[in-house]
C-alpha atoms as a PDB file:
ATOM      1  CA  UNK A   1     123.524  -9.066 160.664  1.00  0.00           C
ATOM      2  CA  UNK A   2     121.753 -11.014 162.981  1.00  0.00           C
ATOM      3  CA  UNK A   3     117.812 -11.409 163.296  1.00  0.00           C
ATOM      4  CA  UNK A   4     116.508 -12.026 167.282  1.00  0.00           C
ATOM      5  CA  UNK A   5     113.580 -15.025 167.615  1.00  0.00           C
ATOM      6  CA  UNK A   6     111.314 -15.254 171.129  1.00  0.00           C
ATOM      7  CA  UNK A   7     108.788 -17.597 171.519  1.00  0.00           C
ATOM      8  CA  UNK A   8     107.075 -16.473 174.617  1.00  0.00           C
ATOM      9  CA  UNK A   9     105.022 -20.213 175.558  1.00  0.00           C
ATOM     10  CA  UNK A  10     102.589 -21.064 178.117  1.00  0.00           C
ATOM     11  CA  UNK A  11     105.379 -21.096 181.481  1.00  0.00           C
ATOM     12  CA  UNK A  12     109.063 -20.135 179.595  1.00  0.00           C
ATOM     13  CA  UNK A  13     110.754 -17.796 177.050  1.00  0.00           C
ATOM     14  CA  UNK A  14     112.839 -19.225 174.489  1.00  0.00           C
ATOM     15  CA  UNK A  15     115.343 -17.073 172.708  1.00  0.00           C
ATOM     16  CA  UNK A  16     118.090 -17.439 170.513  1.00  0.00           C
ATOM     17  CA  UNK A  17     120.140 -15.620 167.685  1.00  0.00           C
ATOM     18  CA  UNK A  18     120.198 -16.769 163.978  1.00  0.00           C
ATOM     19  CA  UNK A  19     121.883 -15.676 160.661  1.00  0.00           C
ATOM     20  CA  UNK A  20     119.089 -16.711 157.586  1.00  0.00           C
ATOM     21  CA  UNK A  21     117.612 -20.387 158.447  1.00  0.00           C
ATOM     22  CA  UNK A  22     120.858 -21.045 160.779  1.00  0.00           C
ATOM     23  CA  UNK A  23     119.939 -20.794 164.701  1.00  0.00           C
ATOM     24  CA  UNK A  24     122.848 -19.547 166.696  1.00  0.00           C
ATOM     25  CA  UNK A  25     123.085 -19.363 170.808  1.00  0.00           C
ATOM     26  CA  UNK A  26     119.853 -19.916 172.223  1.00  0.00           C
ATOM     27  CA  UNK A  27     118.531 -18.528 175.940  1.00  0.00           C
ATOM     28  CA  UNK A  28     115.317 -19.349 178.448  1.00  0.00           C
ATOM     29  CA  UNK A  29     114.226 -17.322 180.372  1.00  0.00           C
ATOM     30  CA  UNK A  30     111.170 -18.036 183.184  1.00  0.00           C
ATOM     31  CA  UNK A  31     109.645 -15.137 185.131  1.00  0.00           C
ATOM     32  CA  UNK A  32     107.455 -11.529 184.395  1.00  0.00           C
ATOM     33  CA  UNK A  33     109.705  -9.668 183.299  1.00  0.00           C
ATOM     34  CA  UNK A  34     110.119 -11.010 180.131  1.00  0.00           C
ATOM     35  CA  UNK A  35     110.693  -7.938 178.119  1.00  0.00           C
ATOM     36  CA  UNK A  36     112.998  -6.958 179.911  1.00  0.00           C
ATOM     37  CA  UNK A  37     114.873 -10.147 179.392  1.00  0.00           C
ATOM     38  CA  UNK A  38     114.137  -9.617 175.802  1.00  0.00           C
ATOM     39  CA  UNK A  39     116.280  -5.567 175.313  1.00  0.00           C
ATOM     40  CA  UNK A  40     118.911  -7.713 177.600  1.00  0.00           C
ATOM     41  CA  UNK A  41     119.979  -9.831 174.744  1.00  0.00           C
ATOM     42  CA  UNK A  42     120.203  -6.443 172.493  1.00  0.00           C
ATOM     43  CA  UNK A  43     122.279  -5.293 174.874  1.00  0.00           C
ATOM     44  CA  UNK A  44     125.481  -6.671 173.286  1.00  0.00           C
ATOM     45  CA  UNK A  45     124.057  -6.965 169.902  1.00  0.00           C
ATOM     46  CA  UNK A  46     121.198  -4.806 167.380  1.00  0.00           C
ATOM     47  CA  UNK A  47     119.553  -7.436 165.623  1.00  0.00           C
ATOM     48  CA  UNK A  48     118.097  -6.317 162.068  1.00  0.00           C
ATOM     49  CA  UNK A  49     114.973  -8.367 162.578  1.00  0.00           C
ATOM     50  CA  UNK A  50     113.240  -9.289 165.700  1.00  0.00           C
ATOM     51  CA  UNK A  51     110.458 -11.601 165.548  1.00  0.00           C
ATOM     52  CA  UNK A  52     108.556 -12.340 168.457  1.00  0.00           C
ATOM     53  CA  UNK A  53     105.752 -15.091 168.688  1.00  0.00           C
ATOM     54  CA  UNK A  54     103.168 -15.089 172.065  1.00  0.00           C
ATOM     55  CA  UNK A  55     100.746 -17.099 172.903  1.00  0.00           C
ATOM     56  CA  UNK A  56      99.256 -13.970 174.294  1.00  0.00           C
ATOM     57  CA  UNK A  57      98.778 -10.819 173.154  1.00  0.00           C
ATOM     58  CA  UNK A  58     102.146  -8.558 172.806  1.00  0.00           C
ATOM     59  CA  UNK A  59     100.562  -4.758 174.511  1.00  0.00           C
ATOM     60  CA  UNK A  60     100.775  -1.709 172.796  1.00  0.00           C
ATOM     61  CA  UNK A  61     103.256  -0.731 175.048  1.00  0.00           C
ATOM     62  CA  UNK A  62     105.648  -3.876 174.407  1.00  0.00           C
ATOM     63  CA  UNK A  63     105.198  -3.286 171.087  1.00  0.00           C
ATOM     64  CA  UNK A  64     106.529   0.363 171.467  1.00  0.00           C
ATOM     65  CA  UNK A  65     109.781  -1.028 174.092  1.00  0.00           C
ATOM     66  CA  UNK A  66     110.657  -3.701 171.434  1.00  0.00           C
ATOM     67  CA  UNK A  67     110.721  -1.800 168.188  1.00  0.00           C
ATOM     68  CA  UNK A  68     113.133   0.192 169.779  1.00  0.00           C
ATOM     69  CA  UNK A  69     115.620  -2.745 170.270  1.00  0.00           C
ATOM     70  CA  UNK A  70     115.451  -3.672 166.207  1.00  0.00           C
ATOM     71  CA  UNK A  71     115.313  -2.267 162.919  1.00  0.00           C
ATOM     72  CA  UNK A  72     112.697  -4.013 161.686  1.00  0.00           C
ATOM     73  CA  UNK A  73     109.837  -6.101 164.706  1.00  0.00           C
ATOM     74  CA  UNK A  74     107.431  -9.032 163.444  1.00  0.00           C
ATOM     75  CA  UNK A  75     104.780 -10.401 166.191  1.00  0.00           C
ATOM     76  CA  UNK A  76     102.995 -13.198 165.424  1.00  0.00           C
ATOM     77  CA  UNK A  77     100.679 -13.035 168.392  1.00  0.00           C
ATOM     78  CA  UNK A  78      96.584 -13.344 168.806  1.00  0.00           C
ATOM     79  CA  UNK A  79      96.830  -9.848 167.096  1.00  0.00           C
ATOM     80  CA  UNK A  80      98.475 -10.521 164.748  1.00  0.00           C
ATOM     81  CA  UNK A  81      97.986 -13.312 162.537  1.00  0.00           C
ATOM     82  CA  UNK A  82      98.826 -12.663 158.659  1.00  0.00           C
ATOM     83  CA  UNK A  83     102.404 -13.305 159.136  1.00  0.00           C
ATOM     84  CA  UNK A  84     101.659 -17.662 158.166  1.00  0.00           C
ATOM     85  CA  UNK A  85      98.643 -16.800 155.426  1.00  0.00           C
ATOM     86  CA  UNK A  86     100.961 -18.002 153.027  1.00  0.00           C
ATOM     87  CA  UNK A  87     101.856 -20.990 154.555  1.00  0.00           C
ATOM     88  CA  UNK A  88      98.216 -22.689 154.465  1.00  0.00           C
ATOM     89  CA  UNK A  89      98.447 -23.406 158.574  1.00  0.00           C
ATOM     90  CA  UNK A  90      95.146 -22.873 160.051  1.00  0.00           C
ATOM     91  CA  UNK A  91      94.442 -19.870 161.765  1.00  0.00           C
ATOM     92  CA  UNK A  92      93.263 -21.106 165.241  1.00  0.00           C
ATOM     93  CA  UNK A  93      96.580 -22.918 165.730  1.00  0.00           C
ATOM     94  CA  UNK A  94      98.948 -20.893 168.203  1.00  0.00           C
ATOM     95  CA  UNK A  95     101.753 -19.471 166.506  1.00  0.00           C
ATOM     96  CA  UNK A  96     104.866 -21.487 168.213  1.00  0.00           C
ATOM     97  CA  UNK A  97     103.462 -24.224 166.479  1.00  0.00           C
ATOM     98  CA  UNK A  98     102.840 -23.271 163.494  1.00  0.00           C
ATOM     99  CA  UNK A  99     106.364 -22.418 163.575  1.00  0.00           C
ATOM    100  CA  UNK A 100     107.260 -25.958 164.371  1.00  0.00           C
ATOM    101  CA  UNK A 101     105.498 -26.946 161.223  1.00  0.00           C
ATOM    102  CA  UNK A 102     106.987 -24.704 159.650  1.00  0.00           C
ATOM    103  CA  UNK A 103     110.620 -26.316 160.202  1.00  0.00           C
ATOM    104  CA  UNK A 104     109.012 -30.058 159.537  1.00  0.00           C
ATOM    105  CA  UNK A 105     108.274 -28.771 156.399  1.00  0.00           C
ATOM    106  CA  UNK A 106     111.830 -27.897 155.948  1.00  0.00           C
ATOM    107  CA  UNK A 107     113.533 -30.534 157.368  1.00  0.00           C
ATOM    108  CA  UNK A 108     111.345 -33.218 156.408  1.00  0.00           C
ATOM    109  CA  UNK A 109     110.426 -32.350 152.808  1.00  0.00           C
ATOM    110  CA  UNK A 110     108.877 -35.167 151.150  1.00  0.00           C
ATOM    111  CA  UNK A 111     107.790 -36.992 153.853  1.00  0.00           C
ATOM    112  CA  UNK A 112     104.506 -37.374 156.226  1.00  0.00           C
ATOM    113  CA  UNK A 113     105.180 -36.304 160.053  1.00  0.00           C
ATOM    114  CA  UNK A 114     103.679 -36.736 163.228  1.00  0.00           C
ATOM    115  CA  UNK A 115     104.948 -33.774 165.634  1.00  0.00           C
ATOM    116  CA  UNK A 116     104.960 -34.734 169.333  1.00  0.00           C
ATOM    117  CA  UNK A 117     105.394 -30.866 171.462  1.00  0.00           C
ATOM    118  CA  UNK A 118     105.872 -32.132 174.933  1.00  0.00           C
ATOM    119  CA  UNK A 119     105.257 -28.722 177.265  1.00  0.00           C
ATOM    120  CA  UNK A 120     102.478 -27.761 179.437  1.00  0.00           C
ATOM    121  CA  UNK A 121     100.180 -29.037 176.799  1.00  0.00           C
ATOM    122  CA  UNK A 122     101.191 -32.091 174.935  1.00  0.00           C
ATOM    123  CA  UNK A 123      99.769 -31.314 171.424  1.00  0.00           C
ATOM    124  CA  UNK A 124      99.901 -34.309 168.735  1.00  0.00           C
ATOM    125  CA  UNK A 125     100.400 -32.944 165.064  1.00  0.00           C
ATOM    126  CA  UNK A 126      99.893 -33.822 161.297  1.00  0.00           C
ATOM    127  CA  UNK A 127     100.994 -33.248 158.154  1.00  0.00           C
ATOM    128  CA  UNK A 128     101.435 -35.386 154.443  1.00  0.00           C
ATOM    129  CA  UNK A 129     104.150 -35.661 152.136  1.00  0.00           C
ATOM    130  CA  UNK A 130     103.173 -32.052 150.428  1.00  0.00           C
ATOM    131  CA  UNK A 131     103.812 -30.727 154.151  1.00  0.00           C
ATOM    132  CA  UNK A 132     100.038 -29.641 154.496  1.00  0.00           C
ATOM    133  CA  UNK A 133      98.885 -29.495 157.732  1.00  0.00           C
ATOM    134  CA  UNK A 134      96.204 -32.120 158.208  1.00  0.00           C
ATOM    135  CA  UNK A 135      94.901 -31.840 161.799  1.00  0.00           C
ATOM    136  CA  UNK A 136      95.774 -32.749 165.057  1.00  0.00           C
ATOM    137  CA  UNK A 137      95.165 -32.759 169.157  1.00  0.00           C
ATOM    138  CA  UNK A 138      95.704 -31.283 172.502  1.00  0.00           C
ATOM    139  CA  UNK A 139      96.306 -32.788 175.489  1.00  0.00           C
ATOM    140  CA  UNK A 140      97.319 -32.327 179.091  1.00  0.00           C
ATOM    141  CA  UNK A 141     101.588 -32.189 179.531  1.00  0.00           C
ATOM    142  CA  UNK A 142     103.735 -34.374 181.678  1.00  0.00           C
ATOM    143  CA  UNK A 143     104.168 -31.679 184.387  1.00  0.00           C
ATOM    144  CA  UNK A 144     100.895 -30.690 184.156  1.00  0.00           C
ATOM    145  CA  UNK A 145      99.208 -34.486 184.863  1.00  0.00           C
ATOM    146  CA  UNK A 146     101.090 -34.303 188.111  1.00  0.00           C
ATOM    147  CA  UNK A 147      99.862 -30.926 188.973  1.00  0.00           C
ATOM    148  CA  UNK A 148      96.370 -31.499 188.420  1.00  0.00           C
ATOM    149  CA  UNK A 149      96.475 -34.974 190.131  1.00  0.00           C
ATOM    150  CA  UNK A 150      97.870 -32.822 193.298  1.00  0.00           C
ATOM    151  CA  UNK A 151      95.547 -30.026 193.034  1.00  0.00           C
ATOM    152  CA  UNK A 152      92.274 -31.944 192.368  1.00  0.00           C
ATOM    153  CA  UNK A 153      92.302 -35.138 195.067  1.00  0.00           C
ATOM    154  CA  UNK A 154      92.561 -34.846 198.443  1.00  0.00           C
ATOM    155  CA  UNK A 155      95.145 -37.243 199.465  1.00  0.00           C
ATOM    156  CA  UNK A 156      97.646 -37.411 196.514  1.00  0.00           C
ATOM    157  CA  UNK A 157     100.869 -35.589 196.872  1.00  0.00           C
ATOM    158  CA  UNK A 158     102.881 -33.454 193.952  1.00  0.00           C
ATOM    159  CA  UNK A 159     105.383 -36.052 192.605  1.00  0.00           C
ATOM    160  CA  UNK A 160     108.218 -35.044 190.027  1.00  0.00           C
ATOM    161  CA  UNK A 161     109.383 -36.993 187.275  1.00  0.00           C
ATOM    162  CA  UNK A 162     111.273 -39.852 187.749  1.00  0.00           C
ATOM    163  CA  UNK A 163     113.801 -41.273 186.294  1.00  0.00           C
ATOM    164  CA  UNK A 164     112.352 -44.762 186.702  1.00  0.00           C
ATOM    165  CA  UNK A 165     110.062 -46.510 187.671  1.00  0.00           C
ATOM    166  CA  UNK A 166     108.241 -49.547 188.370  1.00  0.00           C
ATOM    167  CA  UNK A 167     105.488 -51.109 186.210  1.00  0.00           C
ATOM    168  CA  UNK A 168     102.570 -51.124 187.090  1.00  0.00           C
ATOM    169  CA  UNK A 169     103.244 -49.514 190.744  1.00  0.00           C
ATOM    170  CA  UNK A 170     103.724 -50.570 193.537  1.00  0.00           C
ATOM    171  CA  UNK A 171     103.448 -47.800 196.212  1.00  0.00           C
ATOM    172  CA  UNK A 172     101.769 -44.249 196.315  1.00  0.00           C
ATOM    173  CA  UNK A 173     104.702 -42.452 194.915  1.00  0.00           C
ATOM    174  CA  UNK A 174     105.109 -44.842 191.699  1.00  0.00           C
ATOM    175  CA  UNK A 175     101.399 -45.502 191.328  1.00  0.00           C
ATOM    176  CA  UNK A 176     101.376 -42.082 190.517  1.00  0.00           C
ATOM    177  CA  UNK A 177     104.851 -41.770 188.406  1.00  0.00           C
ATOM    178  CA  UNK A 178     103.787 -45.280 186.662  1.00  0.00           C
ATOM    179  CA  UNK A 179     100.217 -43.919 185.805  1.00  0.00           C
ATOM    180  CA  UNK A 180     101.065 -40.284 184.736  1.00  0.00           C
ATOM    181  CA  UNK A 181     104.462 -41.928 182.141  1.00  0.00           C
ATOM    182  CA  UNK A 182     102.983 -44.907 181.383  1.00  0.00           C
ATOM    183  CA  UNK A 183      99.957 -42.893 179.766  1.00  0.00           C
ATOM    184  CA  UNK A 184     101.332 -40.371 178.188  1.00  0.00           C
ATOM    185  CA  UNK A 185     104.008 -43.359 176.493  1.00  0.00           C
ATOM    186  CA  UNK A 186     100.263 -45.600 175.976  1.00  0.00           C
ATOM    187  CA  UNK A 187      99.068 -42.101 173.943  1.00  0.00           C
ATOM    188  CA  UNK A 188     102.654 -41.537 171.598  1.00  0.00           C
ATOM    189  CA  UNK A 189     102.638 -45.595 170.370  1.00  0.00           C
ATOM    190  CA  UNK A 190      99.052 -45.147 169.986  1.00  0.00           C
ATOM    191  CA  UNK A 191      99.538 -42.295 167.801  1.00  0.00           C
ATOM    192  CA  UNK A 192     102.750 -43.954 165.816  1.00  0.00           C
ATOM    193  CA  UNK A 193     100.268 -47.185 165.298  1.00  0.00           C
ATOM    194  CA  UNK A 194      98.189 -44.863 163.789  1.00  0.00           C
ATOM    195  CA  UNK A 195     100.150 -43.615 161.212  1.00  0.00           C
ATOM    196  CA  UNK A 196     103.272 -46.196 161.162  1.00  0.00           C
ATOM    197  CA  UNK A 197     104.986 -44.500 158.005  1.00  0.00           C
ATOM    198  CA  UNK A 198     105.052 -41.106 159.485  1.00  0.00           C
ATOM    199  CA  UNK A 199     108.304 -39.456 160.130  1.00  0.00           C
ATOM    200  CA  UNK A 200     108.232 -38.914 164.128  1.00  0.00           C
ATOM    201  CA  UNK A 201     109.403 -35.744 165.274  1.00  0.00           C
ATOM    202  CA  UNK A 202     109.971 -35.240 169.224  1.00  0.00           C
ATOM    203  CA  UNK A 203     110.127 -31.664 170.265  1.00  0.00           C
ATOM    204  CA  UNK A 204     109.187 -29.439 173.907  1.00  0.00           C
ATOM    205  CA  UNK A 205     110.955 -29.484 177.158  1.00  0.00           C
ATOM    206  CA  UNK A 206     110.055 -33.100 178.068  1.00  0.00           C
ATOM    207  CA  UNK A 207     111.358 -34.375 174.414  1.00  0.00           C
ATOM    208  CA  UNK A 208     114.369 -36.016 175.390  1.00  0.00           C
ATOM    209  CA  UNK A 209     112.749 -37.872 178.476  1.00  0.00           C
ATOM    210  CA  UNK A 210     110.151 -39.898 176.421  1.00  0.00           C
ATOM    211  CA  UNK A 211     112.854 -40.417 173.593  1.00  0.00           C
ATOM    212  CA  UNK A 212     114.396 -42.618 175.347  1.00  0.00           C
ATOM    213  CA  UNK A 213     112.122 -45.320 176.222  1.00  0.00           C
ATOM    214  CA  UNK A 214     110.957 -45.193 172.822  1.00  0.00           C
ATOM    215  CA  UNK A 215     111.380 -49.087 170.913  1.00  0.00           C
ATOM    216  CA  UNK A 216     110.848 -46.952 167.329  1.00  0.00           C
ATOM    217  CA  UNK A 217     113.132 -44.280 165.200  1.00  0.00           C
ATOM    218  CA  UNK A 218     112.457 -41.071 166.050  1.00  0.00           C
ATOM    219  CA  UNK A 219     114.131 -37.788 165.505  1.00  0.00           C
ATOM    220  CA  UNK A 220     114.415 -35.466 168.496  1.00  0.00           C
ATOM    221  CA  UNK A 221     114.787 -31.625 167.314  1.00  0.00           C
ATOM    222  CA  UNK A 222     114.549 -29.109 170.885  1.00  0.00           C
ATOM    223  CA  UNK A 223     114.891 -26.078 169.283  1.00  0.00           C
ATOM    224  CA  UNK A 224     112.050 -26.475 166.306  1.00  0.00           C
ATOM    225  CA  UNK A 225     109.461 -23.798 167.111  1.00  0.00           C
ATOM    226  CA  UNK A 226     113.222 -21.595 166.847  1.00  0.00           C
ATOM    227  CA  UNK A 227     113.804 -22.990 163.772  1.00  0.00           C
ATOM    228  CA  UNK A 228     110.568 -22.081 162.735  1.00  0.00           C
ATOM    229  CA  UNK A 229     110.801 -18.561 163.337  1.00  0.00           C
ATOM    230  CA  UNK A 230     114.142 -18.509 161.778  1.00  0.00           C
ATOM    231  CA  UNK A 231     112.745 -19.859 158.603  1.00  0.00           C
ATOM    232  CA  UNK A 232     110.182 -17.045 158.502  1.00  0.00           C
ATOM    233  CA  UNK A 233     111.819 -14.329 159.272  1.00  0.00           C
ATOM    234  CA  UNK A 234     114.673 -15.213 156.461  1.00  0.00           C
ATOM    235  CA  UNK A 235     111.765 -15.909 154.198  1.00  0.00           C
ATOM    236  CA  UNK A 236     110.610 -12.128 155.764  1.00  0.00           C
ATOM    237  CA  UNK A 237     113.620 -10.305 154.784  1.00  0.00           C
ATOM    238  CA  UNK A 238     113.587 -11.760 151.380  1.00  0.00           C
ATOM    239  CA  UNK A 239     109.894 -10.369 150.755  1.00  0.00           C
ATOM    240  CA  UNK A 240     110.029  -6.992 152.503  1.00  0.00           C
ATOM    241  CA  UNK A 241     113.775  -5.759 153.050  1.00  0.00           C
ATOM    242  CA  UNK A 242     115.772  -6.784 150.561  1.00  0.00           C
END
């Protein structure tokens, strides 16, 4: 029987069906009716385990509604912090980042890694060759930078991520575009230089956009967090159900 994986982030919801540790069809949702969206995915198929990772707490009412849609409900949110304790990942890490690290250990076993997640925030996490978490940094994501310039300055309009831009910028628009994108690229290059032996992994909504601008060899895994949830779910079944 298939399992349903759900990743509730800051701005969007990603979901996927899985069999053991293999991902199936994926879905994306942006809206306020998150639980209704999740329930709609169960209309044609009843999952054995529904694993929900969320940056915010799942309420008791939401938990009750989700539990009715599956045989087993596995919650990973700020109020449910025990499920990943065996993975040696610090409790302060959001579970979406933690799930990505679980997947990195599985995909790049025996390799030290630098993991970039390009979303609302830009996170950079480091693991050693034994898969141990060494720490990480959090910065401002690409689109968040554009929004911040517009919000906190009096004269700058809101621009979006450009397909291309001159360097340096030669107009108001290209100056903002070049400043944001080049600034992120300089960050990436600095992290890469600091650990040149590491495998570089990109994930998140803007991963492909920045991967195209890299000269280094990198791996792009767009559904890294969901892949990690598939691994966590499969191990949960083996330990607690089978």
